[in-house]
C-alpha atoms as a PDB file:
ATOM      1  CA  MET A   1       3.133   0.001 -62.040  1.00  0.00           C
ATOM      2  CA  MET A   2       0.843   1.607 -59.942  1.00  0.00           C
ATOM      3  CA  THR A   3      -3.069   1.156 -60.809  1.00  0.00           C
ATOM      4  CA  LYS A   4      -5.149   4.003 -60.581  1.00  0.00           C
ATOM      5  CA  ILE A   5      -8.610   3.626 -58.759  1.00  0.00           C
ATOM      6  CA  SER A   6     -11.322   6.039 -58.869  1.00  0.00           C
ATOM      7  CA  ILE A   7     -11.884   8.106 -55.372  1.00  0.00           C
ATOM      8  CA  ALA A   8     -15.296   7.697 -55.970  1.00  0.00           C
ATOM      9  CA  SER A   9     -15.017   3.846 -56.177  1.00  0.00           C
ATOM     10  CA  LEU A  10     -13.174   3.904 -52.650  1.00  0.00           C
ATOM     11  CA  LEU A  11     -15.970   6.383 -51.179  1.00  0.00           C
ATOM     12  CA  VAL A  12     -18.906   4.043 -52.460  1.00  0.00           C
ATOM     13  CA  ALA A  13     -16.753   1.141 -51.199  1.00  0.00           C
ATOM     14  CA  ALA A  14     -16.547   2.794 -47.738  1.00  0.00           C
ATOM     15  CA  GLY A  15     -20.271   3.556 -47.679  1.00  0.00           C
ATOM     16  CA  LEU A  16     -19.203   7.285 -47.656  1.00  0.00           C
ATOM     17  CA  MET A  17     -21.028   7.989 -51.317  1.00  0.00           C
ATOM     18  CA  ALA A  18     -24.267   6.535 -52.488  1.00  0.00           C
ATOM     19  CA  VAL A  19     -24.680   4.951 -56.109  1.00  0.00           C
ATOM     20  CA  PRO A  20     -26.101   6.225 -58.376  1.00  0.00           C
ATOM     21  CA  ALA A  21     -26.218  10.056 -57.261  1.00  0.00           C
ATOM     22  CA  LEU A  22     -22.777  10.130 -55.817  1.00  0.00           C
ATOM     23  CA  ALA A  23     -22.408  12.980 -53.240  1.00  0.00           C
ATOM     24  CA  GLY A  24     -19.740  15.057 -54.792  1.00  0.00           C
ATOM     25  CA  PRO A  25     -16.907  14.524 -56.802  1.00  0.00           C
ATOM     26  CA  ALA A  26     -14.512  11.501 -57.458  1.00  0.00           C
ATOM     27  CA  SER A  27     -11.636  13.944 -57.881  1.00  0.00           C
ATOM     28  CA  ALA A  28     -11.698  15.003 -54.242  1.00  0.00           C
ATOM     29  CA  ARG A  29      -8.093  14.831 -53.383  1.00  0.00           C
ATOM     30  CA  ALA A  30      -5.816  15.551 -50.432  1.00  0.00           C
ATOM     31  CA  ALA A  31      -7.130  16.848 -47.078  1.00  0.00           C
ATOM     32  CA  GLY A  32      -7.830  20.369 -48.691  1.00  0.00           C
ATOM     33  CA  MET A  33      -9.735  18.613 -51.627  1.00  0.00           C
ATOM     34  CA  CYS A  34     -11.649  16.231 -49.457  1.00  0.00           C
ATOM     35  CA  GLN A  35     -13.640  19.132 -47.690  1.00  0.00           C
ATOM     36  CA  TRP A  36     -15.473  19.312 -50.990  1.00  0.00           C
ATOM     37  CA  SER A  37     -16.523  15.862 -51.408  1.00  0.00           C
ATOM     38  CA  GLY A  38     -19.744  16.058 -49.496  1.00  0.00           C
ATOM     39  CA  MET A  39     -21.005  19.482 -50.385  1.00  0.00           C
ATOM     40  CA  ASP A  40     -23.649  20.489 -52.876  1.00  0.00           C
ATOM     41  CA  TRP A  41     -22.533  22.522 -55.632  1.00  0.00           C
ATOM     42  CA  ASP A  42     -24.231  25.758 -54.307  1.00  0.00           C
ATOM     43  CA  GLU A  43     -22.729  25.331 -51.168  1.00  0.00           C
ATOM     44  CA  MET A  44     -19.561  26.412 -52.412  1.00  0.00           C
ATOM     45  CA  GLY A  45     -18.462  30.004 -53.273  1.00  0.00           C
ATOM     46  CA  PRO A  46     -17.708  31.183 -56.703  1.00  0.00           C
ATOM     47  CA  GLU A  47     -14.026  30.800 -56.603  1.00  0.00           C
ATOM     48  CA  ILE A  48     -14.188  27.094 -55.647  1.00  0.00           C
ATOM     49  CA  ARG A  49     -16.795  26.411 -58.326  1.00  0.00           C
ATOM     50  CA  SER A  50     -14.604  28.104 -60.823  1.00  0.00           C
ATOM     51  CA  ALA A  51     -11.648  25.799 -59.684  1.00  0.00           C
ATOM     52  CA  TRP A  52     -14.078  22.941 -60.032  1.00  0.00           C
ATOM     53  CA  THR A  53     -15.151  23.978 -63.404  1.00  0.00           C
ATOM     54  CA  ALA A  54     -11.512  24.330 -64.624  1.00  0.00           C
ATOM     55  CA  LEU A  55     -10.961  20.765 -63.859  1.00  0.00           C
ATOM     56  CA  GLY A  56     -13.674  19.914 -66.036  1.00  0.00           C
ATOM     57  CA  TRP A  57     -16.749  19.675 -63.475  1.00  0.00           C
ATOM     58  CA  THR A  58     -20.213  21.008 -63.854  1.00  0.00           C
ATOM     59  CA  ARG A  59     -23.264  21.223 -61.990  1.00  0.00           C
ATOM     60  CA  ASP A  60     -24.752  18.172 -63.394  1.00  0.00           C
ATOM     61  CA  ARG A  61     -21.483  16.192 -63.385  1.00  0.00           C
ATOM     62  CA  TRP A  62     -21.079  17.199 -59.610  1.00  0.00           C
ATOM     63  CA  GLU A  63     -24.531  16.253 -58.692  1.00  0.00           C
ATOM     64  CA  GLN A  64     -24.581  12.806 -60.741  1.00  0.00           C
ATOM     65  CA  GLY A  65     -20.905  11.994 -59.562  1.00  0.00           C
ATOM     66  CA  ASN A  66     -19.845  11.906 -63.144  1.00  0.00           C
ATOM     67  CA  PRO A  67     -15.999  12.707 -63.223  1.00  0.00           C
ATOM     68  CA  PRO A  68     -14.450  14.684 -66.008  1.00  0.00           C
ATOM     69  CA  ASN A  69     -11.305  12.869 -67.409  1.00  0.00           C
ATOM     70  CA  THR A  70      -8.939  15.107 -65.172  1.00  0.00           C
ATOM     71  CA  ASP A  71      -9.968  12.656 -62.207  1.00  0.00           C
ATOM     72  CA  THR A  72      -7.585   9.884 -63.527  1.00  0.00           C
ATOM     73  CA  ARG A  73      -4.849  12.040 -64.884  1.00  0.00           C
ATOM     74  CA  ASP A  74      -1.641  12.752 -63.156  1.00  0.00           C
ATOM     75  CA  TRP A  75      -0.442  16.100 -61.907  1.00  0.00           C
ATOM     76  CA  THR A  76       2.144  16.411 -64.789  1.00  0.00           C
ATOM     77  CA  ASP A  77      -0.839  15.567 -67.330  1.00  0.00           C
ATOM     78  CA  LEU A  78      -2.841  18.570 -66.091  1.00  0.00           C
ATOM     79  CA  THR A  79      -2.565  21.775 -67.956  1.00  0.00           C
ATOM     80  CA  PRO A  80      -1.109  24.662 -65.807  1.00  0.00           C
ATOM     81  CA  PRO A  81      -4.694  25.903 -65.370  1.00  0.00           C
ATOM     82  CA  GLU A  82      -5.867  22.792 -63.815  1.00  0.00           C
ATOM     83  CA  ARG A  83      -2.965  22.689 -61.727  1.00  0.00           C
ATOM     84  CA  ARG A  84      -3.936  26.165 -60.367  1.00  0.00           C
ATOM     85  CA  ALA A  85      -7.268  25.260 -59.903  1.00  0.00           C
ATOM     86  CA  ALA A  86      -6.270  22.079 -57.861  1.00  0.00           C
ATOM     87  CA  ARG A  87      -3.960  24.206 -55.797  1.00  0.00           C
ATOM     88  CA  THR A  88      -6.987  26.403 -55.082  1.00  0.00           C
ATOM     89  CA  LEU A  89      -8.843  23.513 -53.961  1.00  0.00           C
ATOM     90  CA  GLY A  90      -6.067  22.281 -51.791  1.00  0.00           C
ATOM     91  CA  ALA A  91      -4.028  19.820 -53.637  1.00  0.00           C
ATOM     92  CA  ASN A  92      -0.494  19.658 -54.709  1.00  0.00           C
ATOM     93  CA  GLU A  93       1.512  17.054 -56.741  1.00  0.00           C
ATOM     94  CA  ALA A  94       1.972  14.510 -54.139  1.00  0.00           C
ATOM     95  CA  SER A  95      -1.660  14.563 -53.080  1.00  0.00           C
ATOM     96  CA  TRP A  96      -2.985  14.536 -56.374  1.00  0.00           C
ATOM     97  CA  ASP A  97      -1.124  11.585 -57.395  1.00  0.00           C
ATOM     98  CA  ASN A  98      -1.554   9.810 -54.406  1.00  0.00           C
ATOM     99  CA  SER A  99      -5.342  10.691 -53.549  1.00  0.00           C
ATOM    100  CA  SER A 100      -6.463   9.743 -50.173  1.00  0.00           C
ATOM    101  CA  CYS A 101     -10.072  10.688 -49.838  1.00  0.00           C
END
């Protein structure tokens, strides 16, 4: 059985994120999604912010590094709209379930 570890925990451990104000999302997965992890909410265009919002992120969550419950769910547990949003951000099933950021 595989243990799920928060991306935020890994980034903090690697010194790539600060605590408590984590810089970007814990759910930044895959090469495509990793590009968003260091950005401010306002640096992203409306389509990208909309995709993060569909995954449960808000400006406050983003700025505080407080991930929504989608962060720890497997791809198959995401709703179809959440999967579409994740694809917009650069993820697919393999990259979502095997996060590497």
